[in-house]
Amino acid sequence: MLFVALVFLILITLLALTATGTSILQEKMTGGMRNRQLGLMGAETTLRGGEAFFTTANFSGSNPLPQCPEGGSGSVCAFPPRQLNLGGGLAGAKLDDVVQTFRTATGWIPMPPSAYSYARTLTGFSEDDLKTAVLNEQPMYLIEDLGADVPAGLGQQRGIIDPENQKSAWLYRLTARSQGGSGAVIRVAESVYSPGLNLGNAGANLSGTP
């Protein structure tokens, strides 16, 4: 009887250890999924925040955001999709190092010149119902100027109206970087956004931070 009791005790112990290991594994998987979702939420929210900047800017297709110099600057500007050198043209053209690092770096990077923090704080929430949405670092985004949606002089196919002198919509690419609840997760999201033909004067100036 003692031997049988010991066998059952061993079996119960093994079952308990297995159940504990499974629970820990499931907890880690759930935490990882939550972390990924927080990172995605931060990146997507930051993209929407970057797009919202254009709704208050004072510029149009004929007066777009000024282009950043190579390496960026401290004022509001948009990176051109490529930097030209060697006398102009596309000969020797290269992608801007700041933009490429921002878009492709696998680790978290310091915020470069001409990149911007998301305007609303997503770190350090103290309210109980917001603590689960806390991000490890404040998300940031960067703007690239992609130019007109069609080359000059080619007109635009917009329904049945196609005047050759119609102004093109201006396209911008926004790239957002966000961590999750910890630095173990980094999510990068992009969107191409057109603020329309002419935003008019909405009261913003180009000397501040979006």
C-alpha atoms as a PDB file:
ATOM      1  CA  MET A   1       0.000   0.000   0.000  1.00  0.00           C
ATOM      2  CA  LEU A   2       2.806   2.358   0.825  1.00  0.00           C
ATOM      3  CA  PHE A   3       4.387   1.693  -2.562  1.00  0.00           C
ATOM      4  CA  VAL A   4       1.091   2.400  -4.362  1.00  0.00           C
ATOM      5  CA  ALA A   5       0.630   5.608  -2.378  1.00  0.00           C
ATOM      6  CA  LEU A   6       4.122   6.744  -3.335  1.00  0.00           C
ATOM      7  CA  VAL A   7       3.435   6.027  -7.027  1.00  0.00           C
ATOM      8  CA  PHE A   8       0.207   8.041  -6.910  1.00  0.00           C
ATOM      9  CA  LEU A   9       2.010  10.849  -5.095  1.00  0.00           C
ATOM     10  CA  ILE A  10       4.662  10.954  -7.826  1.00  0.00           C
ATOM     11  CA  LEU A  11       1.997  10.988 -10.541  1.00  0.00           C
ATOM     12  CA  ILE A  12       0.092  13.795  -8.847  1.00  0.00           C
ATOM     13  CA  THR A  13       3.332  15.775  -8.487  1.00  0.00           C
ATOM     14  CA  LEU A  14       4.132  15.321 -12.192  1.00  0.00           C
ATOM     15  CA  LEU A  15       0.630  16.427 -13.158  1.00  0.00           C
ATOM     16  CA  ALA A  16       0.910  19.491 -10.937  1.00  0.00           C
ATOM     17  CA  LEU A  17       4.307  20.412 -12.427  1.00  0.00           C
ATOM     18  CA  THR A  18       2.960  19.980 -15.967  1.00  0.00           C
ATOM     19  CA  ALA A  19      -0.075  22.134 -15.240  1.00  0.00           C
ATOM     20  CA  THR A  20       2.122  24.822 -13.688  1.00  0.00           C
ATOM     21  CA  GLY A  21       4.487  24.836 -16.687  1.00  0.00           C
ATOM     22  CA  THR A  22       1.570  25.058 -19.098  1.00  0.00           C
ATOM     23  CA  SER A  23       0.061  27.965 -17.182  1.00  0.00           C
ATOM     24  CA  ILE A  24       3.372  29.844 -17.169  1.00  0.00           C
ATOM     25  CA  LEU A  25       3.785  29.253 -20.916  1.00  0.00           C
ATOM     26  CA  GLN A  26       0.265  30.490 -21.615  1.00  0.00           C
ATOM     27  CA  GLU A  27       0.894  33.545 -19.462  1.00  0.00           C
ATOM     28  CA  LYS A  28       4.047  34.355 -21.445  1.00  0.00           C
ATOM     29  CA  MET A  29       2.212  33.885 -24.748  1.00  0.00           C
ATOM     30  CA  THR A  30      -0.599  36.154 -23.613  1.00  0.00           C
ATOM     31  CA  GLY A  31       1.883  38.793 -22.450  1.00  0.00           C
ATOM     32  CA  GLY A  32       3.714  38.620 -25.778  1.00  0.00           C
ATOM     33  CA  MET A  33       0.480  39.064 -27.734  1.00  0.00           C
ATOM     34  CA  ARG A  34      -0.524  41.978 -25.514  1.00  0.00           C
ATOM     35  CA  ASN A  35       2.904  43.570 -26.021  1.00  0.00           C
ATOM     36  CA  ARG A  36       2.618  43.224 -29.805  1.00  0.00           C
ATOM     37  CA  GLN A  37      -0.861  44.743 -29.785  1.00  0.00           C
ATOM     38  CA  LEU A  38       0.313  47.676 -27.671  1.00  0.00           C
ATOM     39  CA  GLY A  39       3.140  48.318 -30.139  1.00  0.00           C
ATOM     40  CA  LEU A  40       0.751  48.162 -33.089  1.00  0.00           C
ATOM     41  CA  MET A  41      -1.696  50.456 -31.287  1.00  0.00           C
ATOM     42  CA  GLY A  42       1.082  52.967 -30.648  1.00  0.00           C
ATOM     43  CA  ALA A  43       2.278  52.933 -34.262  1.00  0.00           C
ATOM     44  CA  GLU A  44      -1.220  53.220 -35.742  1.00  0.00           C
ATOM     45  CA  THR A  45      -2.222  55.960 -33.291  1.00  0.00           C
ATOM     46  CA  THR A  46       0.926  57.909 -34.149  1.00  0.00           C
ATOM     47  CA  LEU A  47       0.166  57.657 -37.876  1.00  0.00           C
ATOM     48  CA  ARG A  48      -3.290  59.105 -37.279  1.00  0.00           C
ATOM     49  CA  GLY A  49      -1.707  61.849 -35.175  1.00  0.00           C
ATOM     50  CA  GLY A  50       0.726  62.669 -37.980  1.00  0.00           C
ATOM     51  CA  GLU A  51      -2.113  62.841 -40.489  1.00  0.00           C
ATOM     52  CA  ALA A  52      -4.054  65.093 -38.126  1.00  0.00           C
ATOM     53  CA  PHE A  53      -1.166  67.570 -38.287  1.00  0.00           C
ATOM     54  CA  PHE A  54      -1.964  68.183 -41.949  1.00  0.00           C
ATOM     55  CA  THR A  55      -5.520  69.222 -41.108  1.00  0.00           C
ATOM     56  CA  THR A  56      -4.177  72.252 -39.201  1.00  0.00           C
ATOM     57  CA  ALA A  57      -1.268  73.181 -41.489  1.00  0.00           C
ATOM     58  CA  ASN A  58      -1.192  76.248 -43.711  1.00  0.00           C
ATOM     59  CA  PHE A  59       0.041  75.005 -47.072  1.00  0.00           C
ATOM     60  CA  SER A  60      -1.179  73.486 -50.330  1.00  0.00           C
ATOM     61  CA  GLY A  61       0.086  71.549 -53.328  1.00  0.00           C
ATOM     62  CA  SER A  62       1.632  74.764 -54.621  1.00  0.00           C
ATOM     63  CA  ASN A  63       3.128  75.493 -51.201  1.00  0.00           C
ATOM     64  CA  PRO A  64       4.024  72.133 -49.601  1.00  0.00           C
ATOM     65  CA  LEU A  65       6.025  71.519 -46.460  1.00  0.00           C
ATOM     66  CA  PRO A  66       9.643  72.664 -46.913  1.00  0.00           C
ATOM     67  CA  GLN A  67      12.064  69.848 -47.640  1.00  0.00           C
ATOM     68  CA  CYS A  68      14.533  68.848 -44.950  1.00  0.00           C
ATOM     69  CA  PRO A  69      18.220  69.224 -45.724  1.00  0.00           C
ATOM     70  CA  GLU A  70      20.187  65.994 -45.811  1.00  0.00           C
ATOM     71  CA  GLY A  71      20.393  64.684 -42.261  1.00  0.00           C
ATOM     72  CA  GLY A  72      17.349  66.621 -41.085  1.00  0.00           C
ATOM     73  CA  SER A  73      16.855  69.894 -39.239  1.00  0.00           C
ATOM     74  CA  GLY A  74      15.231  71.187 -36.093  1.00  0.00           C
ATOM     75  CA  SER A  75      12.238  72.774 -37.839  1.00  0.00           C
ATOM     76  CA  VAL A  76       9.117  71.262 -39.355  1.00  0.00           C
ATOM     77  CA  CYS A  77       9.962  69.794 -42.749  1.00  0.00           C
ATOM     78  CA  ALA A  78       9.523  66.712 -44.919  1.00  0.00           C
ATOM     79  CA  PHE A  79      12.345  64.550 -46.191  1.00  0.00           C
ATOM     80  CA  PRO A  80      12.560  64.232 -49.973  1.00  0.00           C
ATOM     81  CA  PRO A  81      12.374  60.612 -51.174  1.00  0.00           C
ATOM     82  CA  ARG A  82      15.983  60.849 -52.359  1.00  0.00           C
ATOM     83  CA  GLN A  83      18.911  63.194 -52.051  1.00  0.00           C
ATOM     84  CA  LEU A  84      20.552  64.295 -55.303  1.00  0.00           C
ATOM     85  CA  ASN A  85      24.258  64.880 -55.647  1.00  0.00           C
ATOM     86  CA  LEU A  86      27.052  64.763 -58.253  1.00  0.00           C
ATOM     87  CA  GLY A  87      25.758  67.777 -60.128  1.00  0.00           C
ATOM     88  CA  GLY A  88      22.038  67.061 -60.045  1.00  0.00           C
ATOM     89  CA  GLY A  89      19.872  64.541 -61.829  1.00  0.00           C
ATOM     90  CA  LEU A  90      19.556  60.992 -60.539  1.00  0.00           C
ATOM     91  CA  ALA A  91      23.211  60.154 -61.089  1.00  0.00           C
ATOM     92  CA  GLY A  92      24.621  59.220 -57.712  1.00  0.00           C
ATOM     93  CA  ALA A  93      21.279  59.651 -55.969  1.00  0.00           C
ATOM     94  CA  LYS A  94      20.963  57.935 -52.621  1.00  0.00           C
ATOM     95  CA  LEU A  95      18.290  57.525 -50.003  1.00  0.00           C
ATOM     96  CA  ASP A  96      18.646  59.704 -46.941  1.00  0.00           C
ATOM     97  CA  ASP A  97      20.422  57.845 -44.135  1.00  0.00           C
ATOM     98  CA  VAL A  98      18.132  59.297 -41.449  1.00  0.00           C
ATOM     99  CA  VAL A  99      15.035  58.067 -43.285  1.00  0.00           C
ATOM    100  CA  GLN A 100      16.461  54.624 -44.010  1.00  0.00           C
ATOM    101  CA  THR A 101      17.570  54.123 -40.406  1.00  0.00           C
ATOM    102  CA  PHE A 102      14.201  55.272 -39.120  1.00  0.00           C
ATOM    103  CA  ARG A 103      12.321  52.901 -41.440  1.00  0.00           C
ATOM    104  CA  THR A 104      14.508  49.797 -41.127  1.00  0.00           C
ATOM    105  CA  ALA A 105      16.364  49.809 -37.773  1.00  0.00           C
ATOM    106  CA  THR A 106      15.531  46.666 -35.819  1.00  0.00           C
ATOM    107  CA  GLY A 107      16.260  48.254 -32.444  1.00  0.00           C
ATOM    108  CA  TRP A 108      14.930  51.392 -30.802  1.00  0.00           C
ATOM    109  CA  ILE A 109      16.728  54.547 -31.921  1.00  0.00           C
ATOM    110  CA  PRO A 110      16.961  58.065 -30.487  1.00  0.00           C
ATOM    111  CA  MET A 111      14.556  60.469 -32.159  1.00  0.00           C
ATOM    112  CA  PRO A 112      16.469  61.974 -35.125  1.00  0.00           C
ATOM    113  CA  PRO A 113      16.239  65.613 -36.274  1.00  0.00           C
ATOM    114  CA  SER A 114      12.998  66.328 -38.130  1.00  0.00           C
ATOM    115  CA  ALA A 115      11.201  63.392 -36.542  1.00  0.00           C
ATOM    116  CA  TYR A 116       8.419  64.175 -34.085  1.00  0.00           C
ATOM    117  CA  SER A 117       6.957  62.693 -30.943  1.00  0.00           C
ATOM    118  CA  TYR A 118       3.288  61.790 -30.884  1.00  0.00           C
ATOM    119  CA  ALA A 119       1.562  64.838 -29.415  1.00  0.00           C
ATOM    120  CA  ARG A 120      -0.296  63.005 -26.618  1.00  0.00           C
ATOM    121  CA  THR A 121       1.456  61.121 -23.855  1.00  0.00           C
ATOM    122  CA  LEU A 122       1.244  57.327 -24.097  1.00  0.00           C
ATOM    123  CA  THR A 123       3.629  56.553 -21.242  1.00  0.00           C
ATOM    124  CA  GLY A 124       3.214  56.708 -17.471  1.00  0.00           C
ATOM    125  CA  PHE A 125      -0.568  56.460 -17.224  1.00  0.00           C
ATOM    126  CA  SER A 126      -1.640  56.430 -13.570  1.00  0.00           C
ATOM    127  CA  GLU A 127      -5.390  55.807 -13.835  1.00  0.00           C
ATOM    128  CA  ASP A 128      -6.307  52.168 -13.210  1.00  0.00           C
ATOM    129  CA  ASP A 129      -8.356  51.857 -16.395  1.00  0.00           C
ATOM    130  CA  LEU A 130      -5.488  53.193 -18.552  1.00  0.00           C
ATOM    131  CA  LYS A 131      -2.492  51.375 -17.075  1.00  0.00           C
ATOM    132  CA  THR A 132      -2.811  48.462 -19.490  1.00  0.00           C
ATOM    133  CA  ALA A 133      -2.229  50.864 -22.424  1.00  0.00           C
ATOM    134  CA  VAL A 134       1.099  52.255 -21.164  1.00  0.00           C
ATOM    135  CA  LEU A 135       3.925  52.174 -23.735  1.00  0.00           C
ATOM    136  CA  ASN A 136       7.561  51.791 -22.808  1.00  0.00           C
ATOM    137  CA  GLU A 137       8.634  54.849 -24.846  1.00  0.00           C
ATOM    138  CA  GLN A 138       6.768  57.702 -26.493  1.00  0.00           C
ATOM    139  CA  PRO A 139       6.132  56.849 -30.186  1.00  0.00           C
ATOM    140  CA  MET A 140       7.575  59.051 -32.939  1.00  0.00           C
ATOM    141  CA  TYR A 141       7.028  59.655 -36.631  1.00  0.00           C
ATOM    142  CA  LEU A 142       8.794  61.064 -39.661  1.00  0.00           C
ATOM    143  CA  ILE A 143       7.412  62.725 -42.820  1.00  0.00           C
ATOM    144  CA  GLU A 144       8.634  62.205 -46.400  1.00  0.00           C
ATOM    145  CA  ASP A 145       7.618  64.373 -49.353  1.00  0.00           C
ATOM    146  CA  LEU A 146       6.617  62.109 -52.273  1.00  0.00           C
ATOM    147  CA  GLY A 147       5.532  64.967 -54.544  1.00  0.00           C
ATOM    148  CA  ALA A 148       2.468  65.234 -56.787  1.00  0.00           C
ATOM    149  CA  ASP A 149       0.280  62.216 -57.460  1.00  0.00           C
ATOM    150  CA  VAL A 150       0.890  62.609 -61.210  1.00  0.00           C
ATOM    151  CA  PRO A 151       3.783  64.277 -63.078  1.00  0.00           C
ATOM    152  CA  ALA A 152       3.255  67.874 -64.084  1.00  0.00           C
ATOM    153  CA  GLY A 153       1.479  68.343 -67.428  1.00  0.00           C
ATOM    154  CA  LEU A 154      -0.152  64.916 -67.546  1.00  0.00           C
ATOM    155  CA  GLY A 155      -3.470  65.993 -66.046  1.00  0.00           C
ATOM    156  CA  GLN A 156      -5.506  63.880 -63.651  1.00  0.00           C
ATOM    157  CA  GLN A 157      -8.201  61.297 -64.240  1.00  0.00           C
ATOM    158  CA  ARG A 158     -10.870  62.325 -61.754  1.00  0.00           C
ATOM    159  CA  GLY A 159     -14.228  61.136 -62.958  1.00  0.00           C
ATOM    160  CA  ILE A 160     -15.222  62.798 -66.218  1.00  0.00           C
ATOM    161  CA  ILE A 161     -13.256  65.993 -65.494  1.00  0.00           C
ATOM    162  CA  ASP A 162      -9.655  66.050 -66.668  1.00  0.00           C
ATOM    163  CA  PRO A 163      -8.410  69.596 -67.233  1.00  0.00           C
ATOM    164  CA  GLU A 164      -4.713  69.567 -68.057  1.00  0.00           C
ATOM    165  CA  ASN A 165      -4.052  72.513 -65.784  1.00  0.00           C
ATOM    166  CA  GLN A 166      -5.629  70.898 -62.715  1.00  0.00           C
ATOM    167  CA  LYS A 167      -3.386  70.990 -59.661  1.00  0.00           C
ATOM    168  CA  SER A 168      -2.226  67.634 -58.377  1.00  0.00           C
ATOM    169  CA  ALA A 169      -2.819  66.405 -54.876  1.00  0.00           C
ATOM    170  CA  TRP A 170       0.385  66.270 -52.854  1.00  0.00           C
ATOM    171  CA  LEU A 171       1.477  62.973 -51.328  1.00  0.00           C
ATOM    172  CA  TYR A 172       3.367  62.432 -48.082  1.00  0.00           C
ATOM    173  CA  ARG A 173       4.587  59.199 -46.504  1.00  0.00           C
ATOM    174  CA  LEU A 174       4.447  59.000 -42.726  1.00  0.00           C
ATOM    175  CA  THR A 175       6.490  56.373 -40.903  1.00  0.00           C
ATOM    176  CA  ALA A 176       5.742  55.727 -37.223  1.00  0.00           C
ATOM    177  CA  ARG A 177       7.809  53.760 -34.704  1.00  0.00           C
ATOM    178  CA  SER A 178       6.451  52.505 -31.397  1.00  0.00           C
ATOM    179  CA  GLN A 179       7.470  50.171 -28.619  1.00  0.00           C
ATOM    180  CA  GLY A 180       5.030  47.976 -26.768  1.00  0.00           C
ATOM    181  CA  GLY A 181       4.623  47.756 -23.024  1.00  0.00           C
ATOM    182  CA  SER A 182       8.326  46.877 -22.921  1.00  0.00           C
ATOM    183  CA  GLY A 183      11.315  47.441 -25.169  1.00  0.00           C
ATOM    184  CA  ALA A 184      11.104  43.838 -26.376  1.00  0.00           C
ATOM    185  CA  VAL A 185       8.601  44.859 -29.085  1.00  0.00           C
ATOM    186  CA  ILE A 186       9.122  47.498 -31.781  1.00  0.00           C
ATOM    187  CA  ARG A 187       6.454  48.107 -34.408  1.00  0.00           C
ATOM    188  CA  VAL A 188       6.873  50.249 -37.527  1.00  0.00           C
ATOM    189  CA  ALA A 189       3.861  51.346 -39.594  1.00  0.00           C
ATOM    190  CA  GLU A 190       3.569  53.545 -42.663  1.00  0.00           C
ATOM    191  CA  SER A 191       0.830  55.375 -44.507  1.00  0.00           C
ATOM    192  CA  VAL A 192       0.750  57.516 -47.643  1.00  0.00           C
ATOM    193  CA  TYR A 193      -1.426  60.561 -47.070  1.00  0.00           C
ATOM    194  CA  SER A 194      -2.682  63.363 -49.282  1.00  0.00           C
ATOM    195  CA  PRO A 195      -3.903  66.503 -47.514  1.00  0.00           C
ATOM    196  CA  GLY A 196      -5.870  67.515 -50.633  1.00  0.00           C
ATOM    197  CA  LEU A 197      -5.443  70.173 -53.252  1.00  0.00           C
ATOM    198  CA  ASN A 198      -5.447  73.145 -50.908  1.00  0.00           C
ATOM    199  CA  LEU A 199      -5.837  73.174 -47.158  1.00  0.00           C
ATOM    200  CA  GLY A 200      -6.048  76.935 -46.996  1.00  0.00           C
ATOM    201  CA  ASN A 201      -5.156  78.831 -43.849  1.00  0.00           C
ATOM    202  CA  ALA A 202      -6.034  76.769 -40.789  1.00  0.00           C
ATOM    203  CA  GLY A 203      -3.940  78.848 -38.450  1.00  0.00           C
ATOM    204  CA  ALA A 204      -0.782  76.724 -38.101  1.00  0.00           C
ATOM    205  CA  ASN A 205       2.704  77.850 -39.057  1.00  0.00           C
ATOM    206  CA  LEU A 206       5.704  75.835 -40.153  1.00  0.00           C
ATOM    207  CA  SER A 207       8.083  76.927 -37.413  1.00  0.00           C
ATOM    208  CA  GLY A 208       6.680  74.799 -34.616  1.00  0.00           C
ATOM    209  CA  THR A 209       6.461  71.068 -33.974  1.00  0.00           C
ATOM    210  CA  PRO A 210       3.514  69.089 -35.344  1.00  0.00           C
END
